[in-house]
């Protein structure tokens, strides 16, 4: 066991504070990672505040982890000391079910083990990336290409793969019109990735406050959803809409923006149920879909794609002592566009 410094929430809704945690000794197929940067995801806030249900405390959040390998177990074949690596939203799965064998471990039929706020298959709680080091099985570690700086790569481990996966699955590319709902930590990655895939990209945001940024990052069009004319003007326009917001939407209104047989894919997860008139789907043969991160192979694919296209997150680097303030700013949409913790400050 190794004792490392970390920032943890001692109880639900409590401020995060500096503490120490125990990391397991390196096992046969484990990799010890010196964490350099950890992104702050809105889902960290949902879980610290028990917005998605009962959680495990103390909680060390963080599932956008970028660092350097400092030790490997004797059976490790994929990595060596000094490699630049990342860890995303999960650190284990059953590895035997149909989904795991297909490289879609996020949908493990026995349940994947989350990077934090979970219980590992050894019965021990999992602690995330707001810490100095982490020990992870090599099968749940990905390689960060040399062309990507570690600080802007960290958010790709959640925000990046979360947008890459549905954009790829539902065919974003040349000749396709794609809308991204929300211009935040997830949405700005969707704009960059959809643009790099060759799609015609529209941002649908509450206001035009971030329009210049959206166009700079690759959007072709930018509309305010607070303007009722937007929904009249864009009716039947899109092949694919990806919603990144965690607030309830008027799904009927957004579905009306799809072409017949278009898809509205949700990656944002509101804390409360939403309502839907099914005629919004039936009328145009439209689909309402969900997507959750991506498997390990697709996460590596995301990193490689982003390196090839020069894509990193737009970040604001902070010290660990600023985490609680950062949470408040995320809640107020006051970040452009992802907070990343410099873990040297923990």
C-alpha atoms as a PDB file:
ATOM      1  CA  UNK A   1       0.000   0.000   0.000  1.00  0.00           C
ATOM      2  CA  UNK A   2       1.090   3.552  -0.722  1.00  0.00           C
ATOM      3  CA  UNK A   3      -0.222   6.644   1.061  1.00  0.00           C
ATOM      4  CA  UNK A   4      -0.860   9.575  -1.283  1.00  0.00           C
ATOM      5  CA  UNK A   5      -2.301  13.063  -0.918  1.00  0.00           C
ATOM      6  CA  UNK A   6      -5.722  13.706  -2.424  1.00  0.00           C
ATOM      7  CA  UNK A   7      -8.714  16.027  -2.350  1.00  0.00           C
ATOM      8  CA  UNK A   8     -11.883  14.367  -1.109  1.00  0.00           C
ATOM      9  CA  UNK A   9     -15.462  15.190  -0.184  1.00  0.00           C
ATOM     10  CA  UNK A  10     -15.932  13.796   3.357  1.00  0.00           C
ATOM     11  CA  UNK A  11     -19.723  13.707   3.007  1.00  0.00           C
ATOM     12  CA  UNK A  12     -22.494  14.544   0.539  1.00  0.00           C
ATOM     13  CA  UNK A  13     -22.539  18.214  -0.452  1.00  0.00           C
ATOM     14  CA  UNK A  14     -19.492  18.922   1.755  1.00  0.00           C
ATOM     15  CA  UNK A  15     -16.610  21.001   0.380  1.00  0.00           C
ATOM     16  CA  UNK A  16     -13.630  19.032  -0.839  1.00  0.00           C
ATOM     17  CA  UNK A  17     -10.587  19.093   1.419  1.00  0.00           C
ATOM     18  CA  UNK A  18      -7.020  17.856   1.344  1.00  0.00           C
ATOM     19  CA  UNK A  19      -6.515  14.421   2.874  1.00  0.00           C
ATOM     20  CA  UNK A  20      -4.581  11.195   2.322  1.00  0.00           C
ATOM     21  CA  UNK A  21      -5.722   7.894   0.831  1.00  0.00           C
ATOM     22  CA  UNK A  22      -4.229   4.445   0.401  1.00  0.00           C
ATOM     23  CA  UNK A  23      -3.388   3.079  -3.036  1.00  0.00           C
ATOM     24  CA  UNK A  24      -2.984  -0.676  -3.395  1.00  0.00           C
ATOM     25  CA  UNK A  25       0.386  -2.285  -4.020  1.00  0.00           C
ATOM     26  CA  UNK A  26       1.102  -2.889  -7.704  1.00  0.00           C
ATOM     27  CA  UNK A  27      -0.231  -6.291  -8.753  1.00  0.00           C
ATOM     28  CA  UNK A  28       0.766  -8.550 -11.650  1.00  0.00           C
ATOM     29  CA  UNK A  29      -0.979  -6.501 -14.360  1.00  0.00           C
ATOM     30  CA  UNK A  30      -1.109  -3.125 -12.635  1.00  0.00           C
ATOM     31  CA  UNK A  31       0.358   0.197 -13.675  1.00  0.00           C
ATOM     32  CA  UNK A  32       1.284   2.872 -11.111  1.00  0.00           C
ATOM     33  CA  UNK A  33       0.681   6.313 -12.582  1.00  0.00           C
ATOM     34  CA  UNK A  34       2.036   9.612 -11.315  1.00  0.00           C
ATOM     35  CA  UNK A  35      -0.946  11.843 -12.036  1.00  0.00           C
ATOM     36  CA  UNK A  36       0.032  15.142 -13.637  1.00  0.00           C
ATOM     37  CA  UNK A  37      -3.387  16.591 -14.497  1.00  0.00           C
ATOM     38  CA  UNK A  38      -7.010  15.780 -13.647  1.00  0.00           C
ATOM     39  CA  UNK A  39     -10.026  17.332 -15.350  1.00  0.00           C
ATOM     40  CA  UNK A  40     -13.131  18.478 -13.487  1.00  0.00           C
ATOM     41  CA  UNK A  41     -16.276  17.018 -15.036  1.00  0.00           C
ATOM     42  CA  UNK A  42     -19.835  18.105 -14.226  1.00  0.00           C
ATOM     43  CA  UNK A  43     -20.480  14.487 -13.236  1.00  0.00           C
ATOM     44  CA  UNK A  44     -17.975  14.945 -10.397  1.00  0.00           C
ATOM     45  CA  UNK A  45     -20.288  17.601  -8.995  1.00  0.00           C
ATOM     46  CA  UNK A  46     -23.420  15.489  -9.476  1.00  0.00           C
ATOM     47  CA  UNK A  47     -21.835  12.648  -7.519  1.00  0.00           C
ATOM     48  CA  UNK A  48     -20.282  14.726  -4.729  1.00  0.00           C
ATOM     49  CA  UNK A  49     -23.727  16.255  -4.181  1.00  0.00           C
ATOM     50  CA  UNK A  50     -25.553  12.914  -4.567  1.00  0.00           C
ATOM     51  CA  UNK A  51     -27.557  14.294  -7.460  1.00  0.00           C
ATOM     52  CA  UNK A  52     -27.589  10.875  -9.113  1.00  0.00           C
ATOM     53  CA  UNK A  53     -28.410   8.926  -5.957  1.00  0.00           C
ATOM     54  CA  UNK A  54     -26.651   7.599  -2.874  1.00  0.00           C
ATOM     55  CA  UNK A  55     -22.864   7.795  -3.097  1.00  0.00           C
ATOM     56  CA  UNK A  56     -19.808   6.460  -1.261  1.00  0.00           C
ATOM     57  CA  UNK A  57     -17.862   8.769   1.052  1.00  0.00           C
ATOM     58  CA  UNK A  58     -15.205   9.911   1.513  1.00  0.00           C
ATOM     59  CA  UNK A  59     -15.150  10.498  -2.258  1.00  0.00           C
ATOM     60  CA  UNK A  60     -12.105  11.407  -4.322  1.00  0.00           C
ATOM     61  CA  UNK A  61     -13.578  12.462  -7.684  1.00  0.00           C
ATOM     62  CA  UNK A  62     -11.809  12.673 -11.020  1.00  0.00           C
ATOM     63  CA  UNK A  63     -12.050  10.471 -14.109  1.00  0.00           C
ATOM     64  CA  UNK A  64     -10.086  12.578 -16.574  1.00  0.00           C
ATOM     65  CA  UNK A  65      -6.603  11.496 -15.592  1.00  0.00           C
ATOM     66  CA  UNK A  66      -3.364  12.172 -17.467  1.00  0.00           C
ATOM     67  CA  UNK A  67       0.020  11.161 -16.130  1.00  0.00           C
ATOM     68  CA  UNK A  68       3.216   9.178 -16.473  1.00  0.00           C
ATOM     69  CA  UNK A  69       3.858   5.526 -15.630  1.00  0.00           C
ATOM     70  CA  UNK A  70       6.221   5.185 -12.676  1.00  0.00           C
ATOM     71  CA  UNK A  71       5.998   1.424 -11.999  1.00  0.00           C
ATOM     72  CA  UNK A  72       4.586  -1.654 -13.743  1.00  0.00           C
ATOM     73  CA  UNK A  73       3.671  -5.110 -12.474  1.00  0.00           C
ATOM     74  CA  UNK A  74       5.690  -8.131 -13.658  1.00  0.00           C
ATOM     75  CA  UNK A  75       2.960  -9.229 -16.073  1.00  0.00           C
ATOM     76  CA  UNK A  76       2.424  -5.862 -17.769  1.00  0.00           C
ATOM     77  CA  UNK A  77       3.040  -5.926 -21.515  1.00  0.00           C
ATOM     78  CA  UNK A  78       1.348  -2.746 -22.783  1.00  0.00           C
ATOM     79  CA  UNK A  79       3.264  -0.073 -20.888  1.00  0.00           C
ATOM     80  CA  UNK A  80       6.658   0.737 -19.464  1.00  0.00           C
ATOM     81  CA  UNK A  81       7.981   3.273 -16.976  1.00  0.00           C
ATOM     82  CA  UNK A  82       7.969   6.754 -18.505  1.00  0.00           C
ATOM     83  CA  UNK A  83       4.991   6.217 -20.821  1.00  0.00           C
ATOM     84  CA  UNK A  84       2.431   9.025 -21.066  1.00  0.00           C
ATOM     85  CA  UNK A  85      -0.953   7.526 -20.222  1.00  0.00           C
ATOM     86  CA  UNK A  86      -4.543   8.289 -19.366  1.00  0.00           C
ATOM     87  CA  UNK A  87      -7.357   6.789 -17.308  1.00  0.00           C
ATOM     88  CA  UNK A  88     -11.002   7.568 -17.939  1.00  0.00           C
ATOM     89  CA  UNK A  89     -14.302   6.759 -16.287  1.00  0.00           C
ATOM     90  CA  UNK A  90     -13.770   3.079 -15.467  1.00  0.00           C
ATOM     91  CA  UNK A  91     -11.016   0.916 -14.065  1.00  0.00           C
ATOM     92  CA  UNK A  92     -12.418  -2.611 -14.436  1.00  0.00           C
ATOM     93  CA  UNK A  93     -15.266  -4.735 -15.789  1.00  0.00           C
ATOM     94  CA  UNK A  94     -16.145  -8.430 -15.877  1.00  0.00           C
ATOM     95  CA  UNK A  95     -14.148  -8.782 -19.130  1.00  0.00           C
ATOM     96  CA  UNK A  96     -16.183 -11.880 -20.076  1.00  0.00           C
ATOM     97  CA  UNK A  97     -19.647 -10.722 -21.166  1.00  0.00           C
ATOM     98  CA  UNK A  98     -20.670  -9.952 -24.734  1.00  0.00           C
ATOM     99  CA  UNK A  99     -20.177  -6.219 -24.299  1.00  0.00           C
ATOM    100  CA  UNK A 100     -16.731  -6.518 -22.703  1.00  0.00           C
ATOM    101  CA  UNK A 101     -15.568  -8.899 -25.415  1.00  0.00           C
ATOM    102  CA  UNK A 102     -16.759  -6.361 -28.000  1.00  0.00           C
ATOM    103  CA  UNK A 103     -14.603  -3.648 -26.422  1.00  0.00           C
ATOM    104  CA  UNK A 104     -17.633  -1.848 -24.972  1.00  0.00           C
ATOM    105  CA  UNK A 105     -16.731  -2.275 -21.334  1.00  0.00           C
ATOM    106  CA  UNK A 106     -18.803   0.763 -20.371  1.00  0.00           C
ATOM    107  CA  UNK A 107     -21.886  -1.394 -20.960  1.00  0.00           C
ATOM    108  CA  UNK A 108     -20.553  -4.446 -19.065  1.00  0.00           C
ATOM    109  CA  UNK A 109     -23.535  -6.676 -18.292  1.00  0.00           C
ATOM    110  CA  UNK A 110     -22.252  -7.220 -14.754  1.00  0.00           C
ATOM    111  CA  UNK A 111     -21.501  -3.533 -14.319  1.00  0.00           C
ATOM    112  CA  UNK A 112     -18.209  -1.776 -14.933  1.00  0.00           C
ATOM    113  CA  UNK A 113     -16.174  -0.489 -11.990  1.00  0.00           C
ATOM    114  CA  UNK A 114     -16.132   3.309 -11.999  1.00  0.00           C
ATOM    115  CA  UNK A 115     -12.857   5.139 -11.417  1.00  0.00           C
ATOM    116  CA  UNK A 116     -14.335   6.636  -8.241  1.00  0.00           C
ATOM    117  CA  UNK A 117     -17.516   6.305  -6.186  1.00  0.00           C
ATOM    118  CA  UNK A 118     -17.468   2.568  -6.815  1.00  0.00           C
ATOM    119  CA  UNK A 119     -16.456  -0.715  -5.235  1.00  0.00           C
ATOM    120  CA  UNK A 120     -13.761  -2.652  -7.049  1.00  0.00           C
ATOM    121  CA  UNK A 121     -13.904  -6.360  -7.645  1.00  0.00           C
ATOM    122  CA  UNK A 122     -11.541  -6.692  -4.682  1.00  0.00           C
ATOM    123  CA  UNK A 123     -14.225  -5.165  -2.451  1.00  0.00           C
ATOM    124  CA  UNK A 124     -12.314  -1.929  -1.903  1.00  0.00           C
ATOM    125  CA  UNK A 125     -13.681   1.547  -2.729  1.00  0.00           C
ATOM    126  CA  UNK A 126     -12.296   3.290  -5.799  1.00  0.00           C
ATOM    127  CA  UNK A 127     -10.754   6.752  -5.589  1.00  0.00           C
ATOM    128  CA  UNK A 128     -10.296   9.050  -8.563  1.00  0.00           C
ATOM    129  CA  UNK A 129      -7.845  11.465 -10.075  1.00  0.00           C
ATOM    130  CA  UNK A 130      -7.852  14.370  -7.623  1.00  0.00           C
ATOM    131  CA  UNK A 131      -4.777  12.722  -6.151  1.00  0.00           C
ATOM    132  CA  UNK A 132      -1.043  12.282  -6.643  1.00  0.00           C
ATOM    133  CA  UNK A 133      -1.003   8.696  -7.883  1.00  0.00           C
ATOM    134  CA  UNK A 134      -3.349   5.936  -9.006  1.00  0.00           C
ATOM    135  CA  UNK A 135      -2.937   2.184  -9.552  1.00  0.00           C
ATOM    136  CA  UNK A 136      -4.918   0.758 -12.476  1.00  0.00           C
ATOM    137  CA  UNK A 137      -4.984  -2.546 -14.364  1.00  0.00           C
ATOM    138  CA  UNK A 138      -3.148  -2.087 -17.673  1.00  0.00           C
ATOM    139  CA  UNK A 139      -6.271  -3.126 -19.605  1.00  0.00           C
ATOM    140  CA  UNK A 140      -8.012   0.073 -18.483  1.00  0.00           C
ATOM    141  CA  UNK A 141      -5.127   2.424 -19.246  1.00  0.00           C
ATOM    142  CA  UNK A 142      -4.714   4.181 -22.597  1.00  0.00           C
ATOM    143  CA  UNK A 143      -1.724   5.745 -24.271  1.00  0.00           C
ATOM    144  CA  UNK A 144      -1.595   9.524 -24.777  1.00  0.00           C
ATOM    145  CA  UNK A 145       0.072  10.250 -28.130  1.00  0.00           C
ATOM    146  CA  UNK A 146       3.185  12.433 -28.066  1.00  0.00           C
ATOM    147  CA  UNK A 147       1.432  15.117 -30.080  1.00  0.00           C
ATOM    148  CA  UNK A 148      -0.994  15.878 -27.233  1.00  0.00           C
ATOM    149  CA  UNK A 149       0.040  17.913 -24.189  1.00  0.00           C
ATOM    150  CA  UNK A 150      -1.045  16.147 -21.010  1.00  0.00           C
ATOM    151  CA  UNK A 151      -3.054  19.054 -19.627  1.00  0.00           C
ATOM    152  CA  UNK A 152      -5.305  19.446 -22.687  1.00  0.00           C
ATOM    153  CA  UNK A 153      -5.459  15.659 -23.144  1.00  0.00           C
ATOM    154  CA  UNK A 154      -6.902  14.968 -19.675  1.00  0.00           C
ATOM    155  CA  UNK A 155     -10.486  16.030 -20.563  1.00  0.00           C
ATOM    156  CA  UNK A 156     -10.430  13.776 -23.614  1.00  0.00           C
ATOM    157  CA  UNK A 157     -10.674  10.813 -21.215  1.00  0.00           C
ATOM    158  CA  UNK A 158     -14.307  11.728 -20.514  1.00  0.00           C
ATOM    159  CA  UNK A 159     -15.487  14.777 -22.445  1.00  0.00           C
ATOM    160  CA  UNK A 160     -13.642  13.727 -25.593  1.00  0.00           C
ATOM    161  CA  UNK A 161     -14.757  10.085 -25.759  1.00  0.00           C
ATOM    162  CA  UNK A 162     -18.278  11.007 -24.618  1.00  0.00           C
ATOM    163  CA  UNK A 163     -18.720  13.094 -27.780  1.00  0.00           C
ATOM    164  CA  UNK A 164     -16.570  11.060 -30.159  1.00  0.00           C
ATOM    165  CA  UNK A 165     -18.555   7.869 -29.561  1.00  0.00           C
ATOM    166  CA  UNK A 166     -22.058   9.060 -30.592  1.00  0.00           C
ATOM    167  CA  UNK A 167     -20.688  11.236 -33.391  1.00  0.00           C
ATOM    168  CA  UNK A 168     -18.979   8.198 -34.877  1.00  0.00           C
ATOM    169  CA  UNK A 169     -21.846   5.789 -34.121  1.00  0.00           C
ATOM    170  CA  UNK A 170     -24.482   7.973 -35.785  1.00  0.00           C
ATOM    171  CA  UNK A 171     -22.408   8.905 -38.778  1.00  0.00           C
ATOM    172  CA  UNK A 172     -21.138  12.449 -38.366  1.00  0.00           C
ATOM    173  CA  UNK A 173     -19.122  13.205 -41.480  1.00  0.00           C
ATOM    174  CA  UNK A 174     -19.111  14.965 -44.858  1.00  0.00           C
ATOM    175  CA  UNK A 175     -22.596  15.773 -46.130  1.00  0.00           C
ATOM    176  CA  UNK A 176     -24.160  15.418 -42.680  1.00  0.00           C
ATOM    177  CA  UNK A 177     -25.659  18.220 -40.620  1.00  0.00           C
ATOM    178  CA  UNK A 178     -24.904  17.883 -36.907  1.00  0.00           C
ATOM    179  CA  UNK A 179     -26.103  20.062 -34.033  1.00  0.00           C
ATOM    180  CA  UNK A 180     -24.438  20.201 -30.629  1.00  0.00           C
ATOM    181  CA  UNK A 181     -26.723  21.327 -27.799  1.00  0.00           C
ATOM    182  CA  UNK A 182     -24.750  23.189 -25.140  1.00  0.00           C
ATOM    183  CA  UNK A 183     -21.412  24.936 -25.478  1.00  0.00           C
ATOM    184  CA  UNK A 184     -19.694  23.760 -22.310  1.00  0.00           C
ATOM    185  CA  UNK A 185     -17.062  21.219 -21.302  1.00  0.00           C
ATOM    186  CA  UNK A 186     -18.696  18.481 -23.379  1.00  0.00           C
ATOM    187  CA  UNK A 187     -20.185  20.645 -26.104  1.00  0.00           C
ATOM    188  CA  UNK A 188     -16.988  22.405 -27.102  1.00  0.00           C
ATOM    189  CA  UNK A 189     -15.354  19.012 -27.642  1.00  0.00           C
ATOM    190  CA  UNK A 190     -18.320  17.974 -29.776  1.00  0.00           C
ATOM    191  CA  UNK A 191     -17.849  21.037 -31.983  1.00  0.00           C
ATOM    192  CA  UNK A 192     -14.158  20.314 -32.494  1.00  0.00           C
ATOM    193  CA  UNK A 193     -14.603  16.603 -33.152  1.00  0.00           C
ATOM    194  CA  UNK A 194     -17.658  16.884 -35.439  1.00  0.00           C
ATOM    195  CA  UNK A 195     -15.850  19.567 -37.449  1.00  0.00           C
ATOM    196  CA  UNK A 196     -12.765  17.354 -37.773  1.00  0.00           C
ATOM    197  CA  UNK A 197     -15.008  14.493 -38.962  1.00  0.00           C
ATOM    198  CA  UNK A 198     -16.163  16.725 -41.806  1.00  0.00           C
ATOM    199  CA  UNK A 199     -19.750  17.438 -40.704  1.00  0.00           C
ATOM    200  CA  UNK A 200     -21.550  20.767 -41.039  1.00  0.00           C
ATOM    201  CA  UNK A 201     -21.759  21.818 -37.387  1.00  0.00           C
ATOM    202  CA  UNK A 202     -24.354  23.989 -35.655  1.00  0.00           C
ATOM    203  CA  UNK A 203     -24.269  24.976 -31.985  1.00  0.00           C
ATOM    204  CA  UNK A 204     -27.589  25.319 -30.166  1.00  0.00           C
ATOM    205  CA  UNK A 205     -26.930  27.294 -26.995  1.00  0.00           C
ATOM    206  CA  UNK A 206     -29.171  29.256 -24.629  1.00  0.00           C
ATOM    207  CA  UNK A 207     -27.630  32.536 -25.739  1.00  0.00           C
ATOM    208  CA  UNK A 208     -25.141  33.892 -28.269  1.00  0.00           C
ATOM    209  CA  UNK A 209     -22.654  34.689 -25.494  1.00  0.00           C
ATOM    210  CA  UNK A 210     -20.155  32.084 -26.704  1.00  0.00           C
ATOM    211  CA  UNK A 211     -20.814  32.447 -30.431  1.00  0.00           C
ATOM    212  CA  UNK A 212     -17.344  33.729 -31.300  1.00  0.00           C
ATOM    213  CA  UNK A 213     -15.772  30.788 -29.485  1.00  0.00           C
ATOM    214  CA  UNK A 214     -18.074  28.309 -31.184  1.00  0.00           C
ATOM    215  CA  UNK A 215     -17.214  29.590 -34.644  1.00  0.00           C
ATOM    216  CA  UNK A 216     -13.515  29.665 -33.774  1.00  0.00           C
ATOM    217  CA  UNK A 217     -13.601  26.039 -32.625  1.00  0.00           C
ATOM    218  CA  UNK A 218     -15.208  24.814 -35.831  1.00  0.00           C
ATOM    219  CA  UNK A 219     -18.953  25.526 -35.805  1.00  0.00           C
ATOM    220  CA  UNK A 220     -20.471  26.686 -39.082  1.00  0.00           C
ATOM    221  CA  UNK A 221     -23.587  28.137 -37.443  1.00  0.00           C
ATOM    222  CA  UNK A 222     -24.624  29.246 -33.962  1.00  0.00           C
ATOM    223  CA  UNK A 223     -28.170  29.784 -32.700  1.00  0.00           C
ATOM    224  CA  UNK A 224     -29.743  30.849 -29.407  1.00  0.00           C
ATOM    225  CA  UNK A 225     -32.381  28.399 -28.177  1.00  0.00           C
ATOM    226  CA  UNK A 226     -33.916  31.159 -26.060  1.00  0.00           C
ATOM    227  CA  UNK A 227     -35.147  32.696 -29.326  1.00  0.00           C
ATOM    228  CA  UNK A 228     -38.389  30.961 -30.447  1.00  0.00           C
ATOM    229  CA  UNK A 229     -37.528  31.805 -34.068  1.00  0.00           C
ATOM    230  CA  UNK A 230     -34.635  29.327 -33.850  1.00  0.00           C
ATOM    231  CA  UNK A 231     -37.001  26.373 -33.658  1.00  0.00           C
ATOM    232  CA  UNK A 232     -39.090  27.678 -36.555  1.00  0.00           C
ATOM    233  CA  UNK A 233     -36.103  28.391 -38.754  1.00  0.00           C
ATOM    234  CA  UNK A 234     -34.294  25.114 -38.140  1.00  0.00           C
ATOM    235  CA  UNK A 235     -37.244  22.722 -38.244  1.00  0.00           C
ATOM    236  CA  UNK A 236     -36.285  19.494 -40.022  1.00  0.00           C
ATOM    237  CA  UNK A 237     -32.637  20.543 -40.498  1.00  0.00           C
ATOM    238  CA  UNK A 238     -30.390  17.986 -38.837  1.00  0.00           C
ATOM    239  CA  UNK A 239     -29.304  14.402 -39.361  1.00  0.00           C
ATOM    240  CA  UNK A 240     -27.976  14.207 -35.811  1.00  0.00           C
ATOM    241  CA  UNK A 241     -28.328  16.264 -32.657  1.00  0.00           C
ATOM    242  CA  UNK A 242     -26.123  15.529 -29.648  1.00  0.00           C
ATOM    243  CA  UNK A 243     -27.368  17.033 -26.394  1.00  0.00           C
ATOM    244  CA  UNK A 244     -24.682  17.640 -23.787  1.00  0.00           C
ATOM    245  CA  UNK A 245     -26.782  19.513 -21.221  1.00  0.00           C
ATOM    246  CA  UNK A 246     -27.727  18.105 -17.840  1.00  0.00           C
ATOM    247  CA  UNK A 247     -30.901  20.170 -17.521  1.00  0.00           C
ATOM    248  CA  UNK A 248     -34.272  18.849 -18.774  1.00  0.00           C
ATOM    249  CA  UNK A 249     -35.041  19.848 -22.358  1.00  0.00           C
ATOM    250  CA  UNK A 250     -38.275  20.268 -24.279  1.00  0.00           C
ATOM    251  CA  UNK A 251     -37.607  17.088 -26.228  1.00  0.00           C
ATOM    252  CA  UNK A 252     -40.500  17.665 -28.582  1.00  0.00           C
ATOM    253  CA  UNK A 253     -39.004  20.962 -29.680  1.00  0.00           C
ATOM    254  CA  UNK A 254     -35.549  19.504 -30.257  1.00  0.00           C
ATOM    255  CA  UNK A 255     -36.858  16.418 -32.040  1.00  0.00           C
ATOM    256  CA  UNK A 256     -38.698  18.731 -34.447  1.00  0.00           C
ATOM    257  CA  UNK A 257     -35.303  19.994 -35.596  1.00  0.00           C
ATOM    258  CA  UNK A 258     -34.372  16.556 -36.963  1.00  0.00           C
ATOM    259  CA  UNK A 259     -34.841  15.407 -40.505  1.00  0.00           C
ATOM    260  CA  UNK A 260     -37.035  12.311 -40.913  1.00  0.00           C
ATOM    261  CA  UNK A 261     -35.173   9.314 -39.448  1.00  0.00           C
ATOM    262  CA  UNK A 262     -32.722  11.618 -37.695  1.00  0.00           C
ATOM    263  CA  UNK A 263     -31.360  10.918 -34.213  1.00  0.00           C
ATOM    264  CA  UNK A 264     -31.225  12.918 -31.010  1.00  0.00           C
ATOM    265  CA  UNK A 265     -28.461  11.412 -28.872  1.00  0.00           C
ATOM    266  CA  UNK A 266     -28.185  12.318 -25.204  1.00  0.00           C
ATOM    267  CA  UNK A 267     -24.923  12.365 -23.304  1.00  0.00           C
ATOM    268  CA  UNK A 268     -26.039  14.879 -20.683  1.00  0.00           C
ATOM    269  CA  UNK A 269     -27.793  13.310 -17.701  1.00  0.00           C
ATOM    270  CA  UNK A 270     -30.411  15.436 -15.904  1.00  0.00           C
ATOM    271  CA  UNK A 271     -30.992  14.560 -12.263  1.00  0.00           C
ATOM    272  CA  UNK A 272     -34.775  14.448 -12.735  1.00  0.00           C
ATOM    273  CA  UNK A 273     -37.053  12.556 -15.173  1.00  0.00           C
ATOM    274  CA  UNK A 274     -38.091  14.173 -18.434  1.00  0.00           C
ATOM    275  CA  UNK A 275     -41.386  13.935 -20.319  1.00  0.00           C
ATOM    276  CA  UNK A 276     -41.876  13.142 -23.977  1.00  0.00           C
ATOM    277  CA  UNK A 277     -44.839  13.007 -26.325  1.00  0.00           C
ATOM    278  CA  UNK A 278     -44.094   9.917 -28.410  1.00  0.00           C
ATOM    279  CA  UNK A 279     -45.653  11.477 -31.494  1.00  0.00           C
ATOM    280  CA  UNK A 280     -42.452  13.535 -31.639  1.00  0.00           C
ATOM    281  CA  UNK A 281     -40.677  10.293 -32.501  1.00  0.00           C
ATOM    282  CA  UNK A 282     -43.336   8.480 -34.453  1.00  0.00           C
ATOM    283  CA  UNK A 283     -44.146  11.306 -36.859  1.00  0.00           C
ATOM    284  CA  UNK A 284     -40.795  11.387 -38.625  1.00  0.00           C
ATOM    285  CA  UNK A 285     -39.433   7.967 -37.678  1.00  0.00           C
ATOM    286  CA  UNK A 286     -36.979   9.776 -35.456  1.00  0.00           C
ATOM    287  CA  UNK A 287     -34.813   8.161 -32.776  1.00  0.00           C
ATOM    288  CA  UNK A 288     -34.028   9.253 -29.242  1.00  0.00           C
ATOM    289  CA  UNK A 289     -30.800   7.619 -28.120  1.00  0.00           C
ATOM    290  CA  UNK A 290     -28.357   7.592 -25.255  1.00  0.00           C
ATOM    291  CA  UNK A 291     -24.605   7.192 -25.192  1.00  0.00           C
ATOM    292  CA  UNK A 292     -22.231   6.705 -22.269  1.00  0.00           C
ATOM    293  CA  UNK A 293     -18.497   7.383 -22.663  1.00  0.00           C
ATOM    294  CA  UNK A 294     -16.932   4.634 -24.779  1.00  0.00           C
ATOM    295  CA  UNK A 295     -15.006   1.404 -24.403  1.00  0.00           C
ATOM    296  CA  UNK A 296     -11.251   1.229 -23.944  1.00  0.00           C
ATOM    297  CA  UNK A 297     -10.482   0.617 -27.656  1.00  0.00           C
ATOM    298  CA  UNK A 298     -12.665   3.571 -28.685  1.00  0.00           C
ATOM    299  CA  UNK A 299     -11.114   5.779 -26.007  1.00  0.00           C
ATOM    300  CA  UNK A 300      -7.692   5.055 -27.499  1.00  0.00           C
ATOM    301  CA  UNK A 301      -9.150   5.766 -30.939  1.00  0.00           C
ATOM    302  CA  UNK A 302     -10.405   9.125 -29.661  1.00  0.00           C
ATOM    303  CA  UNK A 303      -6.973  10.106 -28.381  1.00  0.00           C
ATOM    304  CA  UNK A 304      -5.333   9.062 -31.636  1.00  0.00           C
ATOM    305  CA  UNK A 305      -7.943  10.972 -33.670  1.00  0.00           C
ATOM    306  CA  UNK A 306      -7.498  14.093 -31.568  1.00  0.00           C
ATOM    307  CA  UNK A 307      -3.719  13.911 -31.860  1.00  0.00           C
ATOM    308  CA  UNK A 308      -3.975  13.488 -35.635  1.00  0.00           C
ATOM    309  CA  UNK A 309      -6.247  16.528 -35.929  1.00  0.00           C
ATOM    310  CA  UNK A 310      -4.507  18.698 -33.338  1.00  0.00           C
ATOM    311  CA  UNK A 311      -7.491  18.645 -30.988  1.00  0.00           C
ATOM    312  CA  UNK A 312      -7.176  19.262 -27.265  1.00  0.00           C
ATOM    313  CA  UNK A 313      -9.630  20.634 -24.737  1.00  0.00           C
ATOM    314  CA  UNK A 314      -9.874  24.362 -24.098  1.00  0.00           C
ATOM    315  CA  UNK A 315      -8.802  24.459 -20.460  1.00  0.00           C
ATOM    316  CA  UNK A 316      -8.345  26.670 -17.441  1.00  0.00           C
ATOM    317  CA  UNK A 317      -5.542  25.229 -15.302  1.00  0.00           C
ATOM    318  CA  UNK A 318      -6.146  25.550 -11.556  1.00  0.00           C
ATOM    319  CA  UNK A 319      -4.478  24.669  -8.277  1.00  0.00           C
ATOM    320  CA  UNK A 320      -6.082  21.997  -6.113  1.00  0.00           C
ATOM    321  CA  UNK A 321      -6.983  24.648  -3.531  1.00  0.00           C
ATOM    322  CA  UNK A 322      -9.348  26.164  -6.128  1.00  0.00           C
ATOM    323  CA  UNK A 323     -11.479  23.034  -6.626  1.00  0.00           C
ATOM    324  CA  UNK A 324     -14.470  24.179  -4.570  1.00  0.00           C
ATOM    325  CA  UNK A 325     -14.520  27.541  -6.302  1.00  0.00           C
ATOM    326  CA  UNK A 326     -14.263  25.741  -9.645  1.00  0.00           C
ATOM    327  CA  UNK A 327     -17.323  23.636  -8.777  1.00  0.00           C
ATOM    328  CA  UNK A 328     -19.358  26.786  -8.180  1.00  0.00           C
ATOM    329  CA  UNK A 329     -18.153  28.263 -11.444  1.00  0.00           C
ATOM    330  CA  UNK A 330     -19.077  25.106 -13.375  1.00  0.00           C
ATOM    331  CA  UNK A 331     -22.568  25.307 -11.891  1.00  0.00           C
ATOM    332  CA  UNK A 332     -22.757  28.910 -13.113  1.00  0.00           C
ATOM    333  CA  UNK A 333     -21.418  28.019 -16.588  1.00  0.00           C
ATOM    334  CA  UNK A 334     -18.425  30.226 -15.837  1.00  0.00           C
ATOM    335  CA  UNK A 335     -15.626  28.201 -17.412  1.00  0.00           C
ATOM    336  CA  UNK A 336     -14.228  28.125 -20.918  1.00  0.00           C
ATOM    337  CA  UNK A 337     -14.296  25.242 -21.191  1.00  0.00           C
ATOM    338  CA  UNK A 338     -12.823  22.686 -18.814  1.00  0.00           C
ATOM    339  CA  UNK A 339     -11.115  23.122 -15.478  1.00  0.00           C
ATOM    340  CA  UNK A 340      -8.005  20.977 -15.141  1.00  0.00           C
ATOM    341  CA  UNK A 341      -6.223  20.502 -11.811  1.00  0.00           C
ATOM    342  CA  UNK A 342      -2.453  20.706 -11.743  1.00  0.00           C
ATOM    343  CA  UNK A 343      -1.949  17.789  -9.363  1.00  0.00           C
ATOM    344  CA  UNK A 344       1.516  19.051  -8.368  1.00  0.00           C
ATOM    345  CA  UNK A 345      -0.449  21.491  -6.179  1.00  0.00           C
ATOM    346  CA  UNK A 346      -2.260  18.800  -4.130  1.00  0.00           C
END
